[in-house]
Protein backbone atom coordinates (compact mmCIF):
# COMPACT_ATOMS: atom_id res chain seq x y z
CA UNK A 1 -0.15 0.19 -0.02
CA UNK A 2 2.60 2.21 0.72
CA UNK A 3 5.44 1.06 -1.81
CA UNK A 4 8.99 0.48 -0.79
CA UNK A 5 11.84 1.88 -2.29
CA UNK A 6 15.28 -0.06 -2.42
CA UNK A 7 18.68 0.32 -4.91
CA UNK A 8 19.49 -2.68 -7.65
CA UNK A 9 23.21 -2.10 -7.92
CA UNK A 10 24.28 -4.50 -11.47
CA UNK A 11 28.01 -6.00 -11.51
CA UNK A 12 29.82 -8.18 -13.78
CA UNK A 13 27.99 -11.27 -11.60
CA UNK A 14 25.56 -10.86 -10.26
CA UNK A 15 22.98 -8.11 -8.80
CA UNK A 16 22.60 -6.92 -5.80
CA UNK A 17 19.82 -4.76 -3.87
CA UNK A 18 21.04 -2.24 -1.24
CA UNK A 19 17.63 -2.33 1.56
CA UNK A 20 16.67 0.24 4.15
CA UNK A 21 13.93 -1.55 6.23
CA UNK A 22 11.93 -1.67 9.40
CA UNK A 23 12.85 -5.37 11.29
CA UNK A 24 9.02 -6.56 12.20
CA UNK A 25 8.11 -9.37 13.61
CA UNK A 26 5.91 -12.05 11.43
CA UNK A 27 3.25 -12.24 14.29
CA UNK A 28 2.43 -8.17 14.64
CA UNK A 29 -0.95 -7.15 14.98
CA UNK A 30 -2.36 -4.48 12.78
CA UNK A 31 -2.62 -2.31 15.59
CA UNK A 32 0.49 -2.96 17.21
CA UNK A 33 1.87 -2.16 13.46
CA UNK A 34 0.29 1.32 12.99
CA UNK A 35 1.88 2.52 16.42
CA UNK A 36 5.29 0.91 16.27
CA UNK A 37 5.92 2.12 12.36
CA UNK A 38 4.84 6.19 13.49
CA UNK A 39 6.08 6.29 16.64
CA UNK A 40 9.32 4.65 16.14
CA UNK A 41 9.03 1.62 18.17
CA UNK A 42 10.82 -0.20 15.17
CA UNK A 43 14.41 -0.72 14.51
CA UNK A 44 15.98 -0.66 11.23
CA UNK A 45 19.49 -0.35 9.61
CA UNK A 46 20.18 -1.14 5.80
CA UNK A 47 21.29 -4.45 4.31
CA UNK A 48 23.10 -5.80 0.91
CA UNK A 49 21.81 -9.31 -0.52
CA UNK A 50 21.49 -10.29 -3.90
CA UNK A 51 18.60 -8.88 -6.26
CA UNK A 52 16.88 -12.50 -6.70
CA UNK A 53 16.34 -12.82 -3.17
CA UNK A 54 14.74 -9.49 -2.88
CA UNK A 55 12.93 -9.94 -6.11
CA UNK A 56 11.14 -13.40 -4.72
CA UNK A 57 10.18 -11.81 -1.66
CA UNK A 58 8.42 -9.40 -3.90
CA UNK A 59 7.07 -10.89 -6.80
CA UNK A 60 6.57 -14.79 -5.44
CA UNK A 61 5.32 -14.48 -2.05
CA UNK A 62 3.50 -10.97 -1.73
CA UNK A 63 2.34 -10.46 -5.45
CA UNK A 64 3.87 -6.89 -5.82
CA UNK A 65 4.86 -5.77 -8.73
CA UNK A 66 8.60 -4.06 -8.91
CA UNK A 67 8.86 -0.83 -10.80
CA UNK A 68 12.50 -0.65 -12.11
CA UNK A 69 13.88 3.55 -13.08
CA UNK A 70 17.44 3.64 -14.42
CA UNK A 71 19.29 6.18 -12.68
CA UNK A 72 21.96 8.24 -14.30
CA UNK A 73 25.22 7.18 -11.97
CA UNK A 74 28.62 6.50 -13.20
CA UNK A 75 31.05 3.97 -11.85
CA UNK A 76 32.95 5.73 -9.35
CA UNK A 77 29.61 7.43 -8.35
CA UNK A 78 28.08 3.58 -7.75
CA UNK A 79 31.42 2.37 -6.25
CA UNK A 80 31.29 5.36 -3.68
CA UNK A 81 27.67 4.53 -2.60
CA UNK A 82 28.38 0.86 -2.37
CA UNK A 83 31.49 2.01 0.16
CA UNK A 84 29.53 4.18 2.27
CA UNK A 85 26.96 1.64 2.71
CA UNK A 86 29.58 -0.93 4.04
CA UNK A 87 30.71 1.78 6.50
CA UNK A 88 27.11 2.23 8.17
CA UNK A 89 25.53 -0.85 7.53
CA UNK A 90 25.62 -1.92 10.85
CA UNK A 91 24.07 1.25 12.28
CA UNK A 92 20.56 0.58 14.15
CA UNK A 93 18.08 3.46 14.08
CA UNK A 94 14.44 3.96 14.68
CA UNK A 95 12.25 3.58 11.82
CA UNK A 96 9.25 6.19 11.30
CA UNK A 97 7.05 5.42 8.91
CA UNK A 98 5.95 9.11 7.46
CA UNK A 99 9.59 10.45 8.34
CA UNK A 100 12.74 8.55 8.28
CA UNK A 101 12.05 5.47 6.25
CA UNK A 102 13.15 3.72 3.49
CA UNK A 103 12.76 6.69 0.61
CA UNK A 104 14.46 9.02 3.18
CA UNK A 105 17.50 7.06 4.25
CA UNK A 106 17.84 5.46 0.13
CA UNK A 107 18.32 9.32 -0.32
CA UNK A 108 20.42 9.91 1.70
CA UNK A 109 22.92 7.01 0.35
CA UNK A 110 22.79 8.42 -2.76
CA UNK A 111 23.52 11.96 -1.58
CA UNK A 112 26.90 10.33 -0.77
CA UNK A 113 27.42 9.07 -4.20
CA UNK A 114 27.82 12.11 -5.88
CA UNK A 115 29.61 14.41 -3.45
CA UNK A 116 28.38 17.71 -5.07
CA UNK A 117 24.63 17.12 -4.20
CA UNK A 118 21.94 17.45 -1.63
CA UNK A 119 19.29 15.19 -2.57
CA UNK A 120 17.63 14.70 0.80
CA UNK A 121 17.40 18.71 1.46
CA UNK A 122 14.65 18.23 -0.82
CA UNK A 123 12.53 16.06 1.20
CA UNK A 124 9.51 17.36 2.73
CA UNK A 125 8.77 17.15 6.97
CA UNK A 126 6.43 13.89 5.51
CA UNK A 127 8.60 11.40 3.44
CA UNK A 128 6.65 8.95 1.72
CA UNK A 129 8.04 6.34 -0.90
CA UNK A 130 7.56 7.81 -4.19
CA UNK A 131 8.96 11.38 -2.99
CA UNK A 132 12.66 9.71 -3.98
CA UNK A 133 11.44 9.19 -7.72
CA UNK A 134 10.28 13.10 -7.84
CA UNK A 135 13.50 13.95 -6.45
CA UNK A 136 15.48 12.34 -8.64
CA UNK A 137 12.93 12.59 -11.67
CA UNK A 138 13.42 16.67 -10.92
CA UNK A 139 17.15 16.34 -11.09
CA UNK A 140 17.27 14.53 -14.51
CA UNK A 141 18.51 11.48 -13.06
CA UNK A 142 16.01 8.88 -13.93
CA UNK A 143 16.14 7.17 -17.51
CA UNK A 144 14.81 4.38 -18.54
CA UNK A 145 11.66 3.02 -16.40
CA UNK A 146 9.91 -0.01 -16.43
CA UNK A 147 8.00 -3.03 -14.49
CA UNK A 148 8.04 -6.07 -13.57
CA UNK A 149 4.61 -7.73 -13.04
CA UNK A 150 4.33 -10.45 -10.06
CA UNK A 151 4.26 -13.83 -10.60
CA UNK A 152 0.64 -13.65 -9.40
CA UNK A 153 0.19 -11.19 -12.05
CA UNK A 154 1.42 -13.20 -14.97
CA UNK A 155 0.14 -16.56 -13.54
CA UNK A 156 -3.38 -14.89 -14.12
CA UNK A 157 -2.46 -12.99 -17.64
CA UNK A 158 -1.74 -16.43 -18.95
CA UNK A 159 -4.47 -18.62 -17.06
CA UNK A 160 -6.60 -16.07 -18.24
CA UNK A 161 -6.02 -17.09 -21.97
CA UNK A 162 -6.64 -20.94 -21.37
CA UNK A 163 -10.02 -22.59 -22.21
CA UNK A 164 -11.53 -24.56 -19.64
CA UNK A 165 -9.97 -27.75 -20.54
CA UNK A 166 -6.48 -26.48 -20.76
CA UNK A 167 -7.20 -25.11 -17.42
CA UNK A 168 -8.21 -28.65 -16.37
CA UNK A 169 -4.91 -30.26 -18.12
CA UNK A 170 -3.08 -27.17 -15.87
CA UNK A 171 -4.91 -28.10 -12.97
CA UNK A 172 -4.00 -31.88 -13.56
CA UNK A 173 -0.21 -30.72 -13.26
CA UNK A 174 -0.31 -28.93 -10.23
CA UNK A 175 -1.90 -31.78 -9.01
CA UNK A 176 0.22 -34.40 -9.82
CA UNK A 177 -2.20 -36.23 -11.79
CA UNK A 178 -0.51 -36.18 -14.78
CA UNK A 179 3.74 -36.79 -15.58
CA UNK A 180 5.05 -33.77 -17.12
CA UNK A 181 6.26 -36.99 -19.49
CA UNK A 182 2.95 -37.66 -20.44
CA UNK A 183 1.51 -34.26 -20.42
CA UNK A 184 4.19 -33.55 -23.14
CA UNK A 185 2.74 -35.85 -25.61
CA UNK A 186 -0.25 -34.75 -25.35
CA UNK A 187 -1.69 -34.21 -29.19
CA UNK A 188 -4.91 -31.79 -28.58
CA UNK A 189 -3.00 -29.22 -27.31
CA UNK A 190 -1.51 -26.42 -29.87
CA UNK A 191 2.48 -25.21 -28.18
CA UNK A 192 0.86 -21.91 -27.93
CA UNK A 193 -1.39 -23.86 -25.54
CA UNK A 194 1.93 -25.91 -24.37
CA UNK A 195 4.09 -22.43 -23.16
CA UNK A 196 0.78 -21.01 -21.58
CA UNK A 197 0.26 -24.01 -18.93
CA UNK A 198 3.99 -25.05 -18.63
CA UNK A 199 4.46 -20.65 -17.42
CA UNK A 200 1.64 -21.20 -15.63
CA UNK A 201 2.78 -24.13 -14.01
CA UNK A 202 5.95 -23.17 -12.98
CA UNK A 203 4.60 -19.54 -11.43
CA UNK A 204 2.33 -21.42 -9.59
CA UNK A 205 4.99 -23.50 -8.50
CA UNK A 206 7.22 -21.23 -7.74
CA UNK A 207 5.25 -19.23 -5.52
CA UNK A 208 4.09 -21.66 -3.39
CA UNK A 209 7.38 -23.24 -2.93
CA UNK A 210 8.23 -19.54 -1.48
CA UNK A 211 5.41 -19.31 0.78
CA UNK A 212 5.96 -22.69 2.23
CA UNK A 213 2.54 -24.01 1.05
CA UNK A 214 4.15 -27.09 -1.10
CA UNK A 215 5.68 -29.99 -0.12
CA UNK A 216 9.16 -30.17 -1.61
CA UNK A 217 8.42 -32.97 -3.74
CA UNK A 218 7.29 -30.49 -6.43
CA UNK A 219 10.45 -29.37 -6.38
CA UNK A 220 11.39 -32.18 -9.27
CA UNK A 221 8.34 -30.89 -11.24
CA UNK A 222 9.28 -27.30 -11.20
CA UNK A 223 12.71 -28.74 -12.31
CA UNK A 224 11.21 -30.98 -15.35
CA UNK A 225 8.92 -27.47 -16.54
CA UNK A 226 11.63 -25.11 -16.61
CA UNK A 227 13.76 -28.03 -18.54
CA UNK A 228 10.58 -28.44 -20.93
CA UNK A 229 9.86 -25.23 -21.27
CA UNK A 230 13.11 -24.80 -23.61
CA UNK A 231 11.38 -26.79 -26.14
CA UNK A 232 8.61 -23.97 -26.29
CA UNK A 233 7.67 -20.01 -26.62
CA UNK A 234 9.49 -18.12 -23.44
CA UNK A 235 6.64 -16.60 -22.55
CA UNK A 236 8.83 -14.85 -19.30
CA UNK A 237 9.59 -12.04 -20.85
CA UNK A 238 6.28 -10.72 -20.98
CA UNK A 239 6.56 -10.06 -16.97
CA UNK A 240 8.82 -6.82 -18.39
CA UNK A 241 6.69 -4.04 -19.44
CA UNK A 242 8.20 -0.94 -21.21
CA UNK A 243 7.08 2.37 -19.55
CA UNK A 244 6.31 6.12 -20.81
CA UNK A 245 6.99 7.26 -17.21
CA UNK A 246 6.70 6.60 -13.97
CA UNK A 247 2.73 5.29 -13.50
CA UNK A 248 2.30 6.15 -9.89
CA UNK A 249 1.74 9.98 -9.28
CA UNK A 250 2.82 12.00 -6.23
CA UNK A 251 -0.41 13.81 -6.04
CA UNK A 252 -1.90 12.80 -3.09
CA UNK A 253 -3.03 15.73 -1.05
CA UNK A 254 -6.80 16.28 -1.93
CA UNK A 255 -8.73 18.91 -1.77
CA UNK A 256 -12.78 18.40 -2.52
CA UNK A 257 -16.19 20.52 -2.40
CA UNK A 258 -19.61 18.30 -2.77
CA UNK A 259 -22.86 18.60 -1.08
CA UNK A 260 -25.31 15.69 0.53
CA UNK A 261 -29.21 15.79 -0.63
CA UNK A 262 -31.50 14.16 1.88
CA UNK A 263 -34.99 13.80 2.11
CA UNK A 264 -36.66 15.90 4.70
CA UNK A 265 -33.51 17.85 5.32
CA UNK A 266 -31.66 20.72 3.77
CA UNK A 267 -28.76 20.66 1.02
CA UNK A 268 -25.10 20.65 2.95
CA UNK A 269 -22.28 21.94 0.77
CA UNK A 270 -19.31 20.05 2.34
CA UNK A 271 -15.64 20.94 1.96
CA UNK A 272 -12.72 18.80 2.22
CA UNK A 273 -9.37 18.17 3.21
CA UNK A 274 -7.32 15.21 2.77
CA UNK A 275 -3.02 15.59 3.79
CA UNK A 276 -1.97 11.67 2.57
CA UNK A 277 -1.98 9.20 1.04
CA UNK A 278 -4.03 7.73 -1.61
CA UNK A 279 -7.42 6.02 -1.89
CA UNK A 280 -7.78 3.05 -4.09
CA UNK A 281 -10.51 5.11 -5.76
CA UNK A 282 -8.12 8.00 -6.55
CA UNK A 283 -8.42 7.44 -10.43
CA UNK A 284 -5.11 10.00 -10.83
CA UNK A 285 -2.75 6.79 -11.45
CA UNK A 286 -2.32 4.87 -14.22
CA UNK A 287 -1.49 1.96 -11.72
CA UNK A 288 -4.95 0.15 -10.72
CA UNK A 289 -4.65 -0.10 -6.34
CA UNK A 290 -5.93 -2.64 -4.52
CA UNK A 291 -5.57 -0.86 -1.44
CA UNK A 292 -5.32 2.49 0.70
CA UNK A 293 -3.93 4.46 2.68
CA UNK A 294 -5.36 7.40 4.03
CA UNK A 295 -4.09 9.80 6.93
CA UNK A 296 -5.81 12.91 8.55
CA UNK A 297 -8.64 13.60 6.27
CA UNK A 298 -11.68 15.67 7.16
CA UNK A 299 -14.52 17.64 5.97
CA UNK A 300 -16.51 20.45 6.54
CA UNK A 301 -20.69 21.19 6.35
CA UNK A 302 -22.14 24.08 5.44
CA UNK A 303 -25.69 24.07 6.18
CA UNK A 304 -27.14 27.80 6.27
CA UNK A 305 -25.30 29.66 8.18
CA UNK A 306 -23.89 26.72 10.40
CA UNK A 307 -20.56 25.06 10.28
CA UNK A 308 -19.65 21.90 11.36
CA UNK A 309 -17.46 18.96 11.59
CA UNK A 310 -18.65 16.30 9.32
CA UNK A 311 -16.07 13.99 8.92
CA UNK A 312 -12.49 13.45 10.25
CA UNK A 313 -10.51 10.26 9.76
CA UNK A 314 -7.20 9.33 11.33
CA UNK A 315 -6.41 6.48 9.76
CA UNK A 316 -8.23 4.46 6.99
CA UNK A 317 -5.50 1.53 5.76
CA UNK A 318 -7.46 -1.38 3.38
CA UNK A 319 -5.77 -4.12 1.69
CA UNK A 320 -7.56 -5.75 -1.28
CA UNK A 321 -6.02 -8.24 -3.13
CA UNK A 322 -8.44 -9.98 -5.73
CA UNK A 323 -8.17 -14.10 -4.73
CA UNK A 324 -9.21 -16.72 -7.44
CA UNK A 325 -9.11 -20.57 -7.88
CA UNK A 326 -5.81 -20.52 -7.69
CA UNK A 327 -4.94 -18.35 -5.12
CA UNK A 328 -6.85 -16.78 -1.60
CA UNK A 329 -5.91 -14.13 0.19
CA UNK A 330 -8.34 -12.36 2.66
CA UNK A 331 -9.14 -8.58 2.31
CA UNK A 332 -8.43 -6.48 5.53
CA UNK A 333 -9.41 -3.16 6.82
CA UNK A 334 -8.68 -0.49 9.65
CA UNK A 335 -10.59 2.41 10.07
CA UNK A 336 -10.36 5.49 12.94
CA UNK A 337 -12.30 8.19 12.58
CA UNK A 338 -15.26 10.45 13.11
CA UNK A 339 -18.04 10.27 11.32
CA UNK A 340 -21.75 11.24 11.22
CA UNK A 341 -23.91 8.71 11.20
CA UNK A 342 -27.53 7.39 11.20
CA UNK A 343 -30.65 9.43 10.13
CA UNK A 344 -29.89 12.07 13.08
CA UNK A 345 -26.39 12.92 11.43
CA UNK A 346 -24.82 12.23 15.28
CA UNK A 347 -21.20 12.32 15.38
CA UNK A 348 -19.87 9.27 16.16
CA UNK A 349 -15.53 8.33 17.13
CA UNK A 350 -15.45 5.12 16.24
CA UNK A 351 -12.69 2.07 15.38
CA UNK A 352 -13.30 -0.61 13.17
CA UNK A 353 -11.64 -3.82 11.54
CA UNK A 354 -12.88 -6.01 9.29
CA UNK A 355 -12.13 -9.29 7.27
CA UNK A 356 -13.38 -10.69 4.02
CA UNK A 357 -12.35 -12.21 0.38
CA UNK A 358 -12.35 -10.65 -2.73
CA UNK A 359 -12.63 -12.56 -6.02
CA UNK A 360 -12.84 -11.77 -9.71
CA UNK A 361 -15.96 -13.08 -11.89
CA UNK A 362 -13.94 -11.87 -14.88
CA UNK A 363 -11.63 -9.10 -16.40
CA UNK A 364 -13.57 -5.93 -15.02
CA UNK A 365 -15.85 -7.09 -12.00
CA UNK A 366 -14.83 -8.21 -8.63
CA UNK A 367 -17.25 -9.24 -6.15
CA UNK A 368 -16.15 -8.71 -2.18
CA UNK A 369 -18.09 -9.75 1.23
CA UNK A 370 -16.50 -8.62 4.59
CA UNK A 371 -17.23 -9.18 8.13
CA UNK A 372 -16.65 -6.07 10.56
CA UNK A 373 -16.93 -5.54 13.61
CA UNK A 374 -16.15 -1.61 15.78
CA UNK A 375 -16.67 0.29 19.22
CA UNK A 376 -18.33 4.05 18.67
CA UNK A 377 -18.82 6.57 20.80
CA UNK A 378 -21.43 9.48 20.98
CA UNK A 379 -22.50 10.25 24.56
CA UNK A 380 -21.96 6.21 25.31
CA UNK A 381 -20.34 3.40 23.97
CA UNK A 382 -21.56 1.23 21.50
CA UNK A 383 -20.57 -1.81 19.52
CA UNK A 384 -21.55 -2.95 16.01
CA UNK A 385 -20.87 -6.02 13.98
CA UNK A 386 -21.76 -5.49 10.10
CA UNK A 387 -21.21 -7.41 6.99
CA UNK A 388 -21.64 -6.60 3.94
CA UNK A 389 -21.06 -7.77 0.33
CA UNK A 390 -20.29 -5.36 -2.73
CA UNK A 391 -20.06 -6.10 -6.82
CA UNK A 392 -17.21 -3.77 -8.19
CA UNK A 393 -16.51 -2.77 -11.64
CA UNK A 394 -13.33 -0.85 -12.55
CA UNK A 395 -12.86 -0.12 -16.06
CA UNK A 396 -8.82 0.73 -16.72
CA UNK A 397 -8.69 2.62 -14.15
CA UNK A 398 -10.74 5.60 -15.55
CA UNK A 399 -14.20 4.90 -14.05
CA UNK A 400 -15.57 2.25 -11.39
CA UNK A 401 -19.09 1.64 -10.19
CA UNK A 402 -19.62 -0.14 -6.90
CA UNK A 403 -22.73 -1.94 -5.56
CA UNK A 404 -23.03 -2.39 -1.77
CA UNK A 405 -25.23 -3.89 0.56
CA UNK A 406 -24.29 -3.76 4.32
CA UNK A 407 -26.15 -4.77 7.23
CA UNK A 408 -25.15 -3.65 11.01
CA UNK A 409 -26.05 -4.37 14.30
CA UNK A 410 -25.40 -1.87 17.08
CA UNK A 411 -25.46 -2.40 20.84
CA UNK A 412 -28.14 0.08 20.89
CA UNK A 413 -30.30 -1.58 19.12
CA UNK A 414 -30.34 -0.01 15.76
CA UNK A 415 -30.34 -2.30 12.59
CA UNK A 416 -29.09 -0.54 9.69
CA UNK A 417 -29.38 -1.32 6.52
CA UNK A 418 -28.16 0.40 3.83
CA UNK A 419 -27.80 -0.17 -0.27
CA UNK A 420 -24.92 1.93 -1.65
CA UNK A 421 -24.19 2.91 -5.58
CA UNK A 422 -20.96 4.54 -5.64
CA UNK A 423 -19.59 6.13 -9.39
CA UNK A 424 -16.07 7.35 -9.68
CA UNK A 425 -14.88 9.04 -12.72
CA UNK A 426 -11.74 10.16 -13.60
CA UNK A 427 -11.99 13.76 -15.48
CA UNK A 428 -8.46 14.30 -15.76
CA UNK A 429 -4.94 13.91 -14.32
CA UNK A 430 -5.05 15.92 -11.83
CA UNK A 431 -8.95 15.49 -10.85
CA UNK A 432 -11.90 13.07 -9.89
CA UNK A 433 -15.87 12.92 -9.59
CA UNK A 434 -17.64 11.09 -7.54
CA UNK A 435 -21.47 10.55 -7.71
CA UNK A 436 -23.09 8.60 -4.66
CA UNK A 437 -26.57 7.49 -4.41
CA UNK A 438 -27.72 4.86 -1.53
CA UNK A 439 -31.15 3.86 0.10
CA UNK A 440 -30.73 4.03 3.99
CA UNK A 441 -33.15 1.83 6.78
CA UNK A 442 -31.38 2.86 10.55
CA UNK A 443 -33.58 4.78 12.62
CA UNK A 444 -36.00 5.49 9.81
CA UNK A 445 -35.84 4.54 6.12
CA UNK A 446 -34.93 7.44 3.34
CA UNK A 447 -32.85 7.96 0.21
CA UNK A 448 -30.13 9.88 0.04
CA UNK A 449 -27.45 11.22 -2.55
CA UNK A 450 -24.17 12.67 -2.49
CA UNK A 451 -21.79 14.39 -5.19
CA UNK A 452 -18.30 15.62 -5.11
CA UNK A 453 -15.32 16.71 -7.26
CA UNK A 454 -11.57 16.77 -6.02
CA UNK A 455 -8.47 17.76 -6.92
CA UNK A 456 -5.12 15.94 -6.10
CA UNK A 457 -1.96 17.62 -5.96
């Protein structure tokens, strides 16, 4: 969701990665993770390792794409960077998500490579991983940009091209119900289909082995598949995509103006501002996002001459991976905020956490179901549990429509049944629009319409 920045160093033998990251326990919970990361409770240091290990961690284990930006540094400057990294590699520091992080510390290391540079002076008080890219770009130090697809994305790309019968063959290979030699002898498959099946099987086994979710006996099948792949078209080249420009913007500040109309109530005007970082429905990027990280997002509401707080989001985290018949990853949501709820528009302070699953129906459609629970406070403590289900249509990151049903049961005897139709539009590279229609049933039944126009910078 935040992203991560590290340096790849190409050598005459093998490439290396120079990494600066926090040391995080595997069993840490989301609340502790957010607190420790924001208040410097994690230790961190520089580390140099083979690039293939870092590549496998991101693409095979965490299902993340890698965006590769070639930098304009000469051999002496690269040597300076490596020597300085070895001088400080055993230094431990406190890691802060917003200030001292992978981006700020990698940029300081690049400062040492070019003796006459002061890139780190251009850092803002709050530093996000994406900022380093634009600092280097503004100093004319970036060259070609490519994206290396995650193994999961490459796997899905190839599986989508298979017919149902070909998917059955793939499944038999993965379940070891057909030997690799018998597969090679199949006359009913074209060479192109065999290439797709082989590539898909290799990607699947590699990911599962890295995640330690397959028995080591599959290593033999993997080696036989790699050997067989040499006889057919190598599709691995499809994992690298050339880009005209960096696909993720640094426009994470957002100003919005909108309105809310409810029957039997006066129309209100909303004026909002988000300090950091991005929502997955911010359509100003070229990248489709499967997560959200928002901090300090607030809005005011104006009704006649009255001005009051409409909402204040302290933190909103969403991880929304897409599962399929081969891979299943749960979704996670965490939100701490103050919002106006129910027809009465009372202002509640709450923290809620939810988990669920999101599945792809076809290229543009996904559906999601989740169960969340939370603690709310207005004039007394209120507890709530809420299942919801939604259908999402995403058209190349220029238009998104979400149809959602939500039921919630509160301990103050309020039952909620809400239906939403949210439509998000990309106006241009700097602005978006949202149109929301909803029917709500809480303390009474009513319909609601919201409009908003946002500028990102």
